[in-house]
């Protein structure tokens, strides 16, 4: 599976790359939302793993713009702000899964699996 990961924290990008690559996925990392949107304009991915809070573009706006470019794109939102308000906002934006930081390698792998499970027809 081709996965784009966007997070402004280098340690999170590194962890996601390491864990997901070791499970056979092709992973590309981005530090800014605008970077991943530019790539999605010319290249598709199966899953976008996006941080909720980034300096250039918040995660919810990123999801809206990414889905405008690629409606079939699945999205896993990661956040250090696992409040009810944040989770409800992410769900309302149509994300396919939410993962609260800090998380383990196994929790990341499980969240990716859940987020990419085919939607019911």
C-alpha atoms as a PDB file:
ATOM      1  CA  UNK A   1       0.000   0.000   0.000  1.00  0.00           C
ATOM      2  CA  UNK A   2       1.225   3.538  -0.773  1.00  0.00           C
ATOM      3  CA  UNK A   3       1.000   5.788   2.299  1.00  0.00           C
ATOM      4  CA  UNK A   4       1.666   9.518   2.605  1.00  0.00           C
ATOM      5  CA  UNK A   5       2.449  10.662   6.153  1.00  0.00           C
ATOM      6  CA  UNK A   6       2.369  14.353   7.085  1.00  0.00           C
ATOM      7  CA  UNK A   7       3.477  15.566  10.504  1.00  0.00           C
ATOM      8  CA  UNK A   8       5.617  18.508  11.557  1.00  0.00           C
ATOM      9  CA  UNK A   9       7.349  16.397  14.241  1.00  0.00           C
ATOM     10  CA  UNK A  10      10.373  14.620  12.703  1.00  0.00           C
ATOM     11  CA  UNK A  11      10.236  11.852  15.337  1.00  0.00           C
ATOM     12  CA  UNK A  12       6.653  10.964  14.378  1.00  0.00           C
ATOM     13  CA  UNK A  13       7.543  10.927  10.669  1.00  0.00           C
ATOM     14  CA  UNK A  14      10.504   8.668  11.390  1.00  0.00           C
ATOM     15  CA  UNK A  15       8.435   6.293  13.540  1.00  0.00           C
ATOM     16  CA  UNK A  16       5.661   6.051  10.950  1.00  0.00           C
ATOM     17  CA  UNK A  17       8.143   5.442   8.134  1.00  0.00           C
ATOM     18  CA  UNK A  18       9.963   2.742  10.087  1.00  0.00           C
ATOM     19  CA  UNK A  19       6.867   0.900  11.306  1.00  0.00           C
ATOM     20  CA  UNK A  20       4.898   1.036   8.070  1.00  0.00           C
ATOM     21  CA  UNK A  21       7.844   0.242   5.793  1.00  0.00           C
ATOM     22  CA  UNK A  22       8.664  -2.788   7.944  1.00  0.00           C
ATOM     23  CA  UNK A  23       5.120  -4.006   7.301  1.00  0.00           C
ATOM     24  CA  UNK A  24       5.571  -3.829   3.531  1.00  0.00           C
ATOM     25  CA  UNK A  25       4.085  -0.414   2.763  1.00  0.00           C
ATOM     26  CA  UNK A  26       5.640   2.243   0.540  1.00  0.00           C
ATOM     27  CA  UNK A  27       5.821   5.356   2.729  1.00  0.00           C
ATOM     28  CA  UNK A  28       6.541   8.950   1.825  1.00  0.00           C
ATOM     29  CA  UNK A  29       6.864  11.575   4.555  1.00  0.00           C
ATOM     30  CA  UNK A  30       6.040  15.282   4.487  1.00  0.00           C
ATOM     31  CA  UNK A  31       6.595  17.999   7.094  1.00  0.00           C
ATOM     32  CA  UNK A  32       3.890  20.353   5.802  1.00  0.00           C
ATOM     33  CA  UNK A  33       0.335  19.993   4.587  1.00  0.00           C
ATOM     34  CA  UNK A  34       0.967  22.041   1.450  1.00  0.00           C
ATOM     35  CA  UNK A  35       3.745  19.626   0.433  1.00  0.00           C
ATOM     36  CA  UNK A  36       1.468  16.607   0.542  1.00  0.00           C
ATOM     37  CA  UNK A  37      -1.307  18.475  -1.312  1.00  0.00           C
ATOM     38  CA  UNK A  38       1.145  19.300  -4.100  1.00  0.00           C
ATOM     39  CA  UNK A  39       2.108  15.635  -4.359  1.00  0.00           C
ATOM     40  CA  UNK A  40      -1.525  14.488  -4.310  1.00  0.00           C
ATOM     41  CA  UNK A  41      -2.117  16.795  -7.271  1.00  0.00           C
ATOM     42  CA  UNK A  42       0.134  14.603  -9.413  1.00  0.00           C
ATOM     43  CA  UNK A  43       0.328  11.257  -7.604  1.00  0.00           C
ATOM     44  CA  UNK A  44      -2.150   9.107  -5.724  1.00  0.00           C
ATOM     45  CA  UNK A  45      -1.828   7.294  -2.412  1.00  0.00           C
ATOM     46  CA  UNK A  46      -3.972   4.669  -0.740  1.00  0.00           C
ATOM     47  CA  UNK A  47      -3.815   6.303   2.679  1.00  0.00           C
ATOM     48  CA  UNK A  48      -2.996   9.712   4.116  1.00  0.00           C
ATOM     49  CA  UNK A  49      -1.789   9.718   7.721  1.00  0.00           C
ATOM     50  CA  UNK A  50      -2.166  13.345   8.808  1.00  0.00           C
ATOM     51  CA  UNK A  51      -1.435  15.234  11.992  1.00  0.00           C
ATOM     52  CA  UNK A  52      -4.363  17.231  13.365  1.00  0.00           C
ATOM     53  CA  UNK A  53      -2.294  20.309  14.224  1.00  0.00           C
ATOM     54  CA  UNK A  54       0.403  21.606  11.895  1.00  0.00           C
ATOM     55  CA  UNK A  55       1.865  25.083  11.444  1.00  0.00           C
ATOM     56  CA  UNK A  56       0.856  25.703   7.829  1.00  0.00           C
ATOM     57  CA  UNK A  57      -2.503  23.954   7.536  1.00  0.00           C
ATOM     58  CA  UNK A  58      -4.657  22.271  10.143  1.00  0.00           C
ATOM     59  CA  UNK A  59      -5.427  18.601   9.660  1.00  0.00           C
ATOM     60  CA  UNK A  60      -9.149  19.084   9.042  1.00  0.00           C
ATOM     61  CA  UNK A  61      -8.536  21.559   6.229  1.00  0.00           C
ATOM     62  CA  UNK A  62      -5.887  19.229   4.841  1.00  0.00           C
ATOM     63  CA  UNK A  63      -8.426  16.382   4.783  1.00  0.00           C
ATOM     64  CA  UNK A  64     -10.970  18.542   2.947  1.00  0.00           C
ATOM     65  CA  UNK A  65      -8.445  19.650   0.321  1.00  0.00           C
ATOM     66  CA  UNK A  66      -6.927  16.183  -0.092  1.00  0.00           C
ATOM     67  CA  UNK A  67     -10.346  14.608  -0.614  1.00  0.00           C
ATOM     68  CA  UNK A  68     -11.188  17.294  -3.187  1.00  0.00           C
ATOM     69  CA  UNK A  69      -8.130  16.108  -5.140  1.00  0.00           C
ATOM     70  CA  UNK A  70      -8.544  12.396  -4.408  1.00  0.00           C
ATOM     71  CA  UNK A  71     -12.077  11.479  -3.228  1.00  0.00           C
ATOM     72  CA  UNK A  72     -11.112   7.808  -2.828  1.00  0.00           C
ATOM     73  CA  UNK A  73      -8.256   8.630  -0.437  1.00  0.00           C
ATOM     74  CA  UNK A  74      -8.487   7.009   2.986  1.00  0.00           C
ATOM     75  CA  UNK A  75      -7.381   9.154   5.944  1.00  0.00           C
ATOM     76  CA  UNK A  76      -5.992   8.334   9.376  1.00  0.00           C
ATOM     77  CA  UNK A  77      -5.787  11.401  11.633  1.00  0.00           C
ATOM     78  CA  UNK A  78      -3.145  11.417  14.368  1.00  0.00           C
ATOM     79  CA  UNK A  79      -3.362  13.885  17.213  1.00  0.00           C
ATOM     80  CA  UNK A  80      -1.868  14.787  20.533  1.00  0.00           C
ATOM     81  CA  UNK A  81      -5.184  16.434  21.393  1.00  0.00           C
ATOM     82  CA  UNK A  82      -7.499  13.477  21.886  1.00  0.00           C
ATOM     83  CA  UNK A  83     -10.361  15.514  23.299  1.00  0.00           C
ATOM     84  CA  UNK A  84     -13.950  14.750  22.455  1.00  0.00           C
ATOM     85  CA  UNK A  85     -14.215  17.999  20.452  1.00  0.00           C
ATOM     86  CA  UNK A  86     -11.195  17.095  18.293  1.00  0.00           C
ATOM     87  CA  UNK A  87     -12.369  13.528  17.733  1.00  0.00           C
ATOM     88  CA  UNK A  88     -15.882  14.668  16.791  1.00  0.00           C
ATOM     89  CA  UNK A  89     -14.481  17.305  14.403  1.00  0.00           C
ATOM     90  CA  UNK A  90     -12.267  14.706  12.729  1.00  0.00           C
ATOM     91  CA  UNK A  91     -15.170  12.288  12.385  1.00  0.00           C
ATOM     92  CA  UNK A  92     -17.343  15.060  10.923  1.00  0.00           C
ATOM     93  CA  UNK A  93     -14.583  15.761   8.387  1.00  0.00           C
ATOM     94  CA  UNK A  94     -14.882  12.133   7.281  1.00  0.00           C
ATOM     95  CA  UNK A  95     -11.620  10.642   8.480  1.00  0.00           C
ATOM     96  CA  UNK A  96     -11.447   6.862   8.410  1.00  0.00           C
ATOM     97  CA  UNK A  97      -9.627   6.547  11.722  1.00  0.00           C
ATOM     98  CA  UNK A  98      -8.147   8.528  14.597  1.00  0.00           C
ATOM     99  CA  UNK A  99      -5.005   7.674  16.540  1.00  0.00           C
ATOM    100  CA  UNK A 100      -4.041   9.600  19.688  1.00  0.00           C
ATOM    101  CA  UNK A 101      -0.366  10.332  20.434  1.00  0.00           C
ATOM    102  CA  UNK A 102       1.615   8.858  21.958  1.00  0.00           C
ATOM    103  CA  UNK A 103       1.023   5.532  20.259  1.00  0.00           C
ATOM    104  CA  UNK A 104       2.902   2.259  19.921  1.00  0.00           C
ATOM    105  CA  UNK A 105       4.071   0.608  16.723  1.00  0.00           C
ATOM    106  CA  UNK A 106       1.331  -1.989  17.039  1.00  0.00           C
ATOM    107  CA  UNK A 107      -1.336   0.663  17.619  1.00  0.00           C
ATOM    108  CA  UNK A 108      -0.191   2.477  14.460  1.00  0.00           C
ATOM    109  CA  UNK A 109      -0.263  -0.714  12.400  1.00  0.00           C
ATOM    110  CA  UNK A 110      -3.719  -1.605  13.720  1.00  0.00           C
ATOM    111  CA  UNK A 111      -5.063   1.911  13.045  1.00  0.00           C
ATOM    112  CA  UNK A 112      -3.765   1.776   9.459  1.00  0.00           C
ATOM    113  CA  UNK A 113      -5.420  -1.605   8.963  1.00  0.00           C
ATOM    114  CA  UNK A 114      -8.720  -0.343  10.370  1.00  0.00           C
ATOM    115  CA  UNK A 115      -8.640   2.888   8.345  1.00  0.00           C
ATOM    116  CA  UNK A 116      -8.073   0.990   5.105  1.00  0.00           C
ATOM    117  CA  UNK A 117     -10.718  -1.666   5.645  1.00  0.00           C
ATOM    118  CA  UNK A 118     -13.154  -1.435   2.734  1.00  0.00           C
ATOM    119  CA  UNK A 119     -16.217   0.662   3.456  1.00  0.00           C
ATOM    120  CA  UNK A 120     -19.592  -1.078   3.389  1.00  0.00           C
ATOM    121  CA  UNK A 121     -21.440  -0.640   0.095  1.00  0.00           C
END
